[in-house]
Amino acid sequence: MKAYSTDVRRKLVQACERRLGSQRTLADALGVSPSFVKKVLRRYRTTGQRTPKPPTSGRKPRLDAAADAMLRDMVLAQPDSTLEIS
């Protein structure tokens, strides 16, 4: 899902600071959901940021930093090694 633009977020925060209406009224005026308004305002109050959070999707690495470094060293030492298939 694509994040809402920073322009919508800026307008939302400005409207809330000017007390132009309730969260539900602002959501209707900007064409967003009330839960989005609540999340943006909470993030703005706690961090001061209106930008969307960075994406956190994707698979976590199975190796920790030490194991990754060890594997890289092994591949550099013998780049043409293969596993035996039985």
PDB file of N, CA and C in Angstrom:
ATOM      1  N   MET A   1       0.837  -1.178   0.000  1.00  0.00           N
ATOM      2  CA  MET A   1       0.000   0.000   0.000  1.00  0.00           C
ATOM      3  C   MET A   1       0.881   1.239   0.000  1.00  0.00           C
ATOM      4  N   LYS A   2       0.530   2.186  -0.807  1.00  0.00           N
ATOM      5  CA  LYS A   2       1.311   3.409  -0.918  1.00  0.00           C
ATOM      6  C   LYS A   2       0.956   4.365   0.218  1.00  0.00           C
ATOM      7  N   ALA A   3       1.955   5.033   0.758  1.00  0.00           N
ATOM      8  CA  ALA A   3       1.749   5.970   1.861  1.00  0.00           C
ATOM      9  C   ALA A   3       1.128   7.265   1.350  1.00  0.00           C
ATOM     10  N   TYR A   4       0.380   7.928   2.215  1.00  0.00           N
ATOM     11  CA  TYR A   4      -0.176   9.231   1.860  1.00  0.00           C
ATOM     12  C   TYR A   4       0.959  10.240   1.711  1.00  0.00           C
ATOM     13  N   SER A   5       0.752  11.252   0.902  1.00  0.00           N
ATOM     14  CA  SER A   5       1.793  12.240   0.645  1.00  0.00           C
ATOM     15  C   SER A   5       2.070  13.080   1.889  1.00  0.00           C
ATOM     16  N   THR A   6       3.241  13.666   1.911  1.00  0.00           N
ATOM     17  CA  THR A   6       3.591  14.543   3.022  1.00  0.00           C
ATOM     18  C   THR A   6       2.746  15.810   3.002  1.00  0.00           C
ATOM     19  N   ASP A   7       2.229  16.169   1.830  1.00  0.00           N
ATOM     20  CA  ASP A   7       1.368  17.341   1.729  1.00  0.00           C
ATOM     21  C   ASP A   7       0.067  17.121   2.508  1.00  0.00           C
ATOM     22  N   VAL A   8      -0.517  15.944   2.370  1.00  0.00           N
ATOM     23  CA  VAL A   8      -1.745  15.627   3.114  1.00  0.00           C
ATOM     24  C   VAL A   8      -1.454  15.631   4.606  1.00  0.00           C
ATOM     25  N   ARG A   9      -0.328  15.064   4.985  1.00  0.00           N
ATOM     26  CA  ARG A   9       0.046  15.024   6.402  1.00  0.00           C
ATOM     27  C   ARG A   9       0.272  16.431   6.955  1.00  0.00           C
ATOM     28  N   ARG A  10       0.930  17.297   6.160  1.00  0.00           N
ATOM     29  CA  ARG A  10       1.177  18.668   6.588  1.00  0.00           C
ATOM     30  C   ARG A  10      -0.141  19.415   6.784  1.00  0.00           C
ATOM     31  N   LYS A  11      -1.050  19.280   5.813  1.00  0.00           N
ATOM     32  CA  LYS A  11      -2.355  19.940   5.912  1.00  0.00           C
ATOM     33  C   LYS A  11      -3.130  19.450   7.124  1.00  0.00           C
ATOM     34  N   LEU A  12      -3.033  18.170   7.402  1.00  0.00           N
ATOM     35  CA  LEU A  12      -3.732  17.579   8.531  1.00  0.00           C
ATOM     36  C   LEU A  12      -3.228  18.165   9.854  1.00  0.00           C
ATOM     37  N   VAL A  13      -1.928  18.216  10.012  1.00  0.00           N
ATOM     38  CA  VAL A  13      -1.347  18.748  11.252  1.00  0.00           C
ATOM     39  C   VAL A  13      -1.674  20.227  11.396  1.00  0.00           C
ATOM     40  N   GLN A  14      -1.567  20.992  10.312  1.00  0.00           N
ATOM     41  CA  GLN A  14      -1.887  22.417  10.376  1.00  0.00           C
ATOM     42  C   GLN A  14      -3.350  22.645  10.750  1.00  0.00           C
ATOM     43  N   ALA A  15      -4.242  21.859  10.152  1.00  0.00           N
ATOM     44  CA  ALA A  15      -5.669  22.011  10.455  1.00  0.00           C
ATOM     45  C   ALA A  15      -5.956  21.666  11.913  1.00  0.00           C
ATOM     46  N   CYS A  16      -5.263  20.661  12.421  1.00  0.00           N
ATOM     47  CA  CYS A  16      -5.467  20.277  13.815  1.00  0.00           C
ATOM     48  C   CYS A  16      -4.934  21.363  14.755  1.00  0.00           C
ATOM     49  N   GLU A  17      -3.773  21.919  14.429  1.00  0.00           N
ATOM     50  CA  GLU A  17      -3.203  22.974  15.264  1.00  0.00           C
ATOM     51  C   GLU A  17      -4.077  24.230  15.264  1.00  0.00           C
ATOM     52  N   ARG A  18      -4.739  24.499  14.147  1.00  0.00           N
ATOM     53  CA  ARG A  18      -5.649  25.657  14.063  1.00  0.00           C
ATOM     54  C   ARG A  18      -7.023  25.352  14.643  1.00  0.00           C
ATOM     55  N   ARG A  19      -7.214  24.108  15.054  1.00  0.00           N
ATOM     56  CA  ARG A  19      -8.488  23.648  15.628  1.00  0.00           C
ATOM     57  C   ARG A  19      -9.656  23.912  14.673  1.00  0.00           C
ATOM     58  N   LEU A  20      -9.487  23.453  13.425  1.00  0.00           N
ATOM     59  CA  LEU A  20     -10.522  23.658  12.408  1.00  0.00           C
ATOM     60  C   LEU A  20     -11.637  22.628  12.474  1.00  0.00           C
ATOM     61  N   GLY A  21     -11.522  21.668  13.347  1.00  0.00           N
ATOM     62  CA  GLY A  21     -12.570  20.668  13.490  1.00  0.00           C
ATOM     63  C   GLY A  21     -12.063  19.462  14.243  1.00  0.00           C
ATOM     64  N   SER A  22     -12.974  18.528  14.454  1.00  0.00           N
ATOM     65  CA  SER A  22     -12.603  17.290  15.137  1.00  0.00           C
ATOM     66  C   SER A  22     -11.777  16.418  14.192  1.00  0.00           C
ATOM     67  N   GLN A  23     -11.208  15.360  14.749  1.00  0.00           N
ATOM     68  CA  GLN A  23     -10.415  14.444  13.922  1.00  0.00           C
ATOM     69  C   GLN A  23     -11.274  13.824  12.824  1.00  0.00           C
ATOM     70  N   ARG A  24     -12.493  13.482  13.156  1.00  0.00           N
ATOM     71  CA  ARG A  24     -13.394  12.884  12.162  1.00  0.00           C
ATOM     72  C   ARG A  24     -13.729  13.894  11.057  1.00  0.00           C
ATOM     73  N   THR A  25     -13.965  15.138  11.431  1.00  0.00           N
ATOM     74  CA  THR A  25     -14.258  16.182  10.443  1.00  0.00           C
ATOM     75  C   THR A  25     -13.064  16.403   9.513  1.00  0.00           C
ATOM     76  N   LEU A  26     -11.875  16.440  10.091  1.00  0.00           N
ATOM     77  CA  LEU A  26     -10.675  16.619   9.282  1.00  0.00           C
ATOM     78  C   LEU A  26     -10.457  15.430   8.351  1.00  0.00           C
ATOM     79  N   ALA A  27     -10.740  14.239   8.844  1.00  0.00           N
ATOM     80  CA  ALA A  27     -10.598  13.040   8.014  1.00  0.00           C
ATOM     81  C   ALA A  27     -11.540  13.107   6.812  1.00  0.00           C
ATOM     82  N   ASP A  28     -12.771  13.507   7.047  1.00  0.00           N
ATOM     83  CA  ASP A  28     -13.740  13.629   5.954  1.00  0.00           C
ATOM     84  C   ASP A  28     -13.325  14.713   4.960  1.00  0.00           C
ATOM     85  N   ALA A  29     -12.819  15.829   5.480  1.00  0.00           N
ATOM     86  CA  ALA A  29     -12.431  16.932   4.605  1.00  0.00           C
ATOM     87  C   ALA A  29     -11.238  16.573   3.715  1.00  0.00           C
ATOM     88  N   LEU A  30     -10.316  15.777   4.234  1.00  0.00           N
ATOM     89  CA  LEU A  30      -9.123  15.419   3.473  1.00  0.00           C
ATOM     90  C   LEU A  30      -9.259  14.085   2.738  1.00  0.00           C
ATOM     91  N   GLY A  31     -10.350  13.385   2.981  1.00  0.00           N
ATOM     92  CA  GLY A  31     -10.580  12.113   2.292  1.00  0.00           C
ATOM     93  C   GLY A  31      -9.717  10.979   2.800  1.00  0.00           C
ATOM     94  N   VAL A  32      -9.445  10.970   4.098  1.00  0.00           N
ATOM     95  CA  VAL A  32      -8.663   9.899   4.714  1.00  0.00           C
ATOM     96  C   VAL A  32      -9.481   9.291   5.850  1.00  0.00           C
ATOM     97  N   SER A  33      -8.993   8.192   6.400  1.00  0.00           N
ATOM     98  CA  SER A  33      -9.721   7.535   7.477  1.00  0.00           C
ATOM     99  C   SER A  33      -9.416   8.208   8.819  1.00  0.00           C
ATOM    100  N   PRO A  34     -10.361   8.125   9.751  1.00  0.00           N
ATOM    101  CA  PRO A  34     -10.109   8.692  11.087  1.00  0.00           C
ATOM    102  C   PRO A  34      -8.916   8.040  11.788  1.00  0.00           C
ATOM    103  N   SER A  35      -8.694   6.748  11.539  1.00  0.00           N
ATOM    104  CA  SER A  35      -7.547   6.091  12.178  1.00  0.00           C
ATOM    105  C   SER A  35      -6.231   6.641  11.637  1.00  0.00           C
ATOM    106  N   PHE A  36      -6.203   7.006  10.362  1.00  0.00           N
ATOM    107  CA  PHE A  36      -5.006   7.623   9.786  1.00  0.00           C
ATOM    108  C   PHE A  36      -4.735   8.959  10.464  1.00  0.00           C
ATOM    109  N   VAL A  37      -5.764   9.740  10.675  1.00  0.00           N
ATOM    110  CA  VAL A  37      -5.617  11.043  11.349  1.00  0.00           C
ATOM    111  C   VAL A  37      -5.035  10.833  12.738  1.00  0.00           C
ATOM    112  N   LYS A  38      -5.582   9.874  13.464  1.00  0.00           N
ATOM    113  CA  LYS A  38      -5.119   9.595  14.817  1.00  0.00           C
ATOM    114  C   LYS A  38      -3.645   9.185  14.817  1.00  0.00           C
ATOM    115  N   LYS A  39      -3.243   8.323  13.880  1.00  0.00           N
ATOM    116  CA  LYS A  39      -1.858   7.854  13.813  1.00  0.00           C
ATOM    117  C   LYS A  39      -0.894   8.978  13.454  1.00  0.00           C
ATOM    118  N   VAL A  40      -1.273   9.815  12.493  1.00  0.00           N
ATOM    119  CA  VAL A  40      -0.399  10.919  12.084  1.00  0.00           C
ATOM    120  C   VAL A  40      -0.224  11.906  13.235  1.00  0.00           C
ATOM    121  N   LEU A  41      -1.306  12.252  13.907  1.00  0.00           N
ATOM    122  CA  LEU A  41      -1.212  13.210  15.004  1.00  0.00           C
ATOM    123  C   LEU A  41      -0.419  12.644  16.174  1.00  0.00           C
ATOM    124  N   ARG A  42      -0.577  11.349  16.466  1.00  0.00           N
ATOM    125  CA  ARG A  42       0.188  10.721  17.544  1.00  0.00           C
ATOM    126  C   ARG A  42       1.683  10.739  17.201  1.00  0.00           C
ATOM    127  N   ARG A  43       2.011  10.395  15.948  1.00  0.00           N
ATOM    128  CA  ARG A  43       3.419  10.399  15.536  1.00  0.00           C
ATOM    129  C   ARG A  43       3.991  11.818  15.589  1.00  0.00           C
ATOM    130  N   TYR A  44       3.205  12.805  15.197  1.00  0.00           N
ATOM    131  CA  TYR A  44       3.676  14.186  15.215  1.00  0.00           C
ATOM    132  C   TYR A  44       3.906  14.674  16.646  1.00  0.00           C
ATOM    133  N   ARG A  45       3.010  14.307  17.558  1.00  0.00           N
ATOM    134  CA  ARG A  45       3.152  14.742  18.951  1.00  0.00           C
ATOM    135  C   ARG A  45       4.352  14.088  19.631  1.00  0.00           C
ATOM    136  N   THR A  46       4.598  12.814  19.331  1.00  0.00           N
ATOM    137  CA  THR A  46       5.676  12.100  20.018  1.00  0.00           C
ATOM    138  C   THR A  46       7.044  12.328  19.401  1.00  0.00           C
ATOM    139  N   THR A  47       7.123  12.432  18.071  1.00  0.00           N
ATOM    140  CA  THR A  47       8.428  12.554  17.410  1.00  0.00           C
ATOM    141  C   THR A  47       8.630  13.884  16.706  1.00  0.00           C
ATOM    142  N   GLY A  48       7.559  14.612  16.451  1.00  0.00           N
ATOM    143  CA  GLY A  48       7.670  15.858  15.712  1.00  0.00           C
ATOM    144  C   GLY A  48       7.773  15.658  14.204  1.00  0.00           C
ATOM    145  N   GLN A  49       7.572  14.422  13.740  1.00  0.00           N
ATOM    146  CA  GLN A  49       7.690  14.115  12.316  1.00  0.00           C
ATOM    147  C   GLN A  49       6.316  13.872  11.699  1.00  0.00           C
ATOM    148  N   ARG A  50       6.173  14.370  10.462  1.00  0.00           N
ATOM    149  CA  ARG A  50       4.946  14.117   9.714  1.00  0.00           C
ATOM    150  C   ARG A  50       5.175  13.091   8.621  1.00  0.00           C
ATOM    151  N   THR A  51       6.414  12.736   8.369  1.00  0.00           N
ATOM    152  CA  THR A  51       6.734  11.810   7.285  1.00  0.00           C
ATOM    153  C   THR A  51       6.314  10.392   7.657  1.00  0.00           C
ATOM    154  N   PRO A  52       6.028   9.555   6.650  1.00  0.00           N
ATOM    155  CA  PRO A  52       5.672   8.169   6.958  1.00  0.00           C
ATOM    156  C   PRO A  52       6.868   7.403   7.503  1.00  0.00           C
ATOM    157  N   LYS A  53       6.584   6.364   8.264  1.00  0.00           N
ATOM    158  CA  LYS A  53       7.646   5.517   8.784  1.00  0.00           C
ATOM    159  C   LYS A  53       8.300   4.770   7.625  1.00  0.00           C
ATOM    160  N   PRO A  54       9.577   4.463   7.748  1.00  0.00           N
ATOM    161  CA  PRO A  54      10.218   3.688   6.678  1.00  0.00           C
ATOM    162  C   PRO A  54       9.656   2.275   6.632  1.00  0.00           C
ATOM    163  N   PRO A  55       9.660   1.659   5.453  1.00  0.00           N
ATOM    164  CA  PRO A  55       9.118   0.305   5.352  1.00  0.00           C
ATOM    165  C   PRO A  55       9.936  -0.689   6.164  1.00  0.00           C
ATOM    166  N   THR A  56       9.253  -1.614   6.797  1.00  0.00           N
ATOM    167  CA  THR A  56       9.929  -2.621   7.621  1.00  0.00           C
ATOM    168  C   THR A  56       9.679  -4.025   7.114  1.00  0.00           C
ATOM    169  N   SER A  57       9.153  -4.136   5.912  1.00  0.00           N
ATOM    170  CA  SER A  57       8.845  -5.465   5.407  1.00  0.00           C
ATOM    171  C   SER A  57      10.117  -6.146   4.919  1.00  0.00           C
ATOM    172  N   GLY A  58       9.993  -7.414   4.675  1.00  0.00           N
ATOM    173  CA  GLY A  58      11.133  -8.175   4.189  1.00  0.00           C
ATOM    174  C   GLY A  58      11.555  -9.215   5.198  1.00  0.00           C
ATOM    175  N   ARG A  59      12.331 -10.108   4.721  1.00  0.00           N
ATOM    176  CA  ARG A  59      12.794 -11.205   5.537  1.00  0.00           C
ATOM    177  C   ARG A  59      13.970 -10.783   6.400  1.00  0.00           C
ATOM    178  N   LYS A  60      13.997 -11.255   7.632  1.00  0.00           N
ATOM    179  CA  LYS A  60      15.106 -10.995   8.528  1.00  0.00           C
ATOM    180  C   LYS A  60      16.255 -11.928   8.151  1.00  0.00           C
ATOM    181  N   PRO A  61      17.501 -11.472   8.246  1.00  0.00           N
ATOM    182  CA  PRO A  61      18.626 -12.341   7.927  1.00  0.00           C
ATOM    183  C   PRO A  61      18.739 -13.489   8.923  1.00  0.00           C
ATOM    184  N   ARG A  62      19.105 -14.664   8.413  1.00  0.00           N
ATOM    185  CA  ARG A  62      19.255 -15.828   9.291  1.00  0.00           C
ATOM    186  C   ARG A  62      20.584 -15.821  10.026  1.00  0.00           C
ATOM    187  N   LEU A  63      21.577 -15.142   9.463  1.00  0.00           N
ATOM    188  CA  LEU A  63      22.893 -15.107  10.081  1.00  0.00           C
ATOM    189  C   LEU A  63      23.090 -13.796  10.833  1.00  0.00           C
ATOM    190  N   ASP A  64      23.743 -13.907  11.995  1.00  0.00           N
ATOM    191  CA  ASP A  64      24.091 -12.668  12.689  1.00  0.00           C
ATOM    192  C   ASP A  64      25.346 -12.088  12.049  1.00  0.00           C
ATOM    193  N   ALA A  65      25.812 -10.972  12.534  1.00  0.00           N
ATOM    194  CA  ALA A  65      26.938 -10.272  11.909  1.00  0.00           C
ATOM    195  C   ALA A  65      28.218 -11.113  11.921  1.00  0.00           C
ATOM    196  N   ALA A  66      28.460 -11.827  13.027  1.00  0.00           N
ATOM    197  CA  ALA A  66      29.679 -12.640  13.129  1.00  0.00           C
ATOM    198  C   ALA A  66      29.650 -13.795  12.130  1.00  0.00           C
ATOM    199  N   ALA A  67      28.516 -14.478  12.033  1.00  0.00           N
ATOM    200  CA  ALA A  67      28.399 -15.601  11.101  1.00  0.00           C
ATOM    201  C   ALA A  67      28.473 -15.116   9.657  1.00  0.00           C
ATOM    202  N   ASP A  68      27.908 -13.967   9.381  1.00  0.00           N
ATOM    203  CA  ASP A  68      27.973 -13.412   8.029  1.00  0.00           C
ATOM    204  C   ASP A  68      29.415 -13.088   7.644  1.00  0.00           C
ATOM    205  N   ALA A  69      30.147 -12.500   8.580  1.00  0.00           N
ATOM    206  CA  ALA A  69      31.552 -12.180   8.313  1.00  0.00           C
ATOM    207  C   ALA A  69      32.363 -13.452   8.094  1.00  0.00           C
ATOM    208  N   MET A  70      32.102 -14.492   8.886  1.00  0.00           N
ATOM    209  CA  MET A  70      32.806 -15.763   8.733  1.00  0.00           C
ATOM    210  C   MET A  70      32.527 -16.373   7.363  1.00  0.00           C
ATOM    211  N   LEU A  71      31.287 -16.354   6.939  1.00  0.00           N
ATOM    212  CA  LEU A  71      30.919 -16.899   5.635  1.00  0.00           C
ATOM    213  C   LEU A  71      31.594 -16.120   4.506  1.00  0.00           C
ATOM    214  N   ARG A  72      31.631 -14.814   4.612  1.00  0.00           N
ATOM    215  CA  ARG A  72      32.296 -14.004   3.589  1.00  0.00           C
ATOM    216  C   ARG A  72      33.790 -14.346   3.499  1.00  0.00           C
ATOM    217  N   ASP A  73      34.424 -14.515   4.667  1.00  0.00           N
ATOM    218  CA  ASP A  73      35.843 -14.877   4.676  1.00  0.00           C
ATOM    219  C   ASP A  73      36.063 -16.248   4.036  1.00  0.00           C
ATOM    220  N   MET A  74      35.191 -17.194   4.308  1.00  0.00           N
ATOM    221  CA  MET A  74      35.317 -18.537   3.729  1.00  0.00           C
ATOM    222  C   MET A  74      35.165 -18.491   2.213  1.00  0.00           C
ATOM    223  N   VAL A  75      34.228 -17.705   1.720  1.00  0.00           N
ATOM    224  CA  VAL A  75      34.015 -17.597   0.277  1.00  0.00           C
ATOM    225  C   VAL A  75      35.203 -16.897  -0.379  1.00  0.00           C
ATOM    226  N   LEU A  76      35.749 -15.880   0.278  1.00  0.00           N
ATOM    227  CA  LEU A  76      36.925 -15.210  -0.273  1.00  0.00           C
ATOM    228  C   LEU A  76      38.130 -16.150  -0.321  1.00  0.00           C
ATOM    229  N   ALA A  77      38.260 -17.029   0.676  1.00  0.00           N
ATOM    230  CA  ALA A  77      39.386 -17.958   0.719  1.00  0.00           C
ATOM    231  C   ALA A  77      39.271 -19.024  -0.366  1.00  0.00           C
ATOM    232  N   GLN A  78      38.079 -19.544  -0.581  1.00  0.00           N
ATOM    233  CA  GLN A  78      37.863 -20.580  -1.594  1.00  0.00           C
ATOM    234  C   GLN A  78      36.582 -20.272  -2.366  1.00  0.00           C
ATOM    235  N   PRO A  79      36.636 -19.370  -3.345  1.00  0.00           N
ATOM    236  CA  PRO A  79      35.416 -18.958  -4.062  1.00  0.00           C
ATOM    237  C   PRO A  79      34.823 -20.040  -4.954  1.00  0.00           C
ATOM    238  N   ASP A  80      35.593 -21.087  -5.297  1.00  0.00           N
ATOM    239  CA  ASP A  80      35.059 -22.110  -6.184  1.00  0.00           C
ATOM    240  C   ASP A  80      34.664 -23.385  -5.445  1.00  0.00           C
ATOM    241  N   SER A  81      34.545 -23.345  -4.129  1.00  0.00           N
ATOM    242  CA  SER A  81      34.134 -24.518  -3.348  1.00  0.00           C
ATOM    243  C   SER A  81      32.686 -24.859  -3.641  1.00  0.00           C
ATOM    244  N   THR A  82      32.388 -26.150  -3.623  1.00  0.00           N
ATOM    245  CA  THR A  82      31.009 -26.623  -3.803  1.00  0.00           C
ATOM    246  C   THR A  82      30.698 -27.650  -2.752  1.00  0.00           C
ATOM    247  N   LEU A  83      29.434 -27.916  -2.555  1.00  0.00           N
ATOM    248  CA  LEU A  83      29.005 -28.943  -1.624  1.00  0.00           C
ATOM    249  C   LEU A  83      28.969 -30.287  -2.347  1.00  0.00           C
ATOM    250  N   GLU A  84      29.329 -31.331  -1.618  1.00  0.00           N
ATOM    251  CA  GLU A  84      29.207 -32.669  -2.169  1.00  0.00           C
ATOM    252  C   GLU A  84      27.755 -33.096  -2.108  1.00  0.00           C
ATOM    253  N   ILE A  85      27.271 -33.670  -3.182  1.00  0.00           N
ATOM    254  CA  ILE A  85      25.901 -34.170  -3.205  1.00  0.00           C
ATOM    255  C   ILE A  85      25.983 -35.684  -3.161  1.00  0.00           C
ATOM    256  N   SER A  86      25.334 -36.268  -2.189  1.00  0.00           N
ATOM    257  CA  SER A  86      25.389 -37.718  -2.081  1.00  0.00           C
ATOM    258  C   SER A  86      24.112 -38.373  -2.546  1.00  0.00           C
TER     259      SER A  86
END
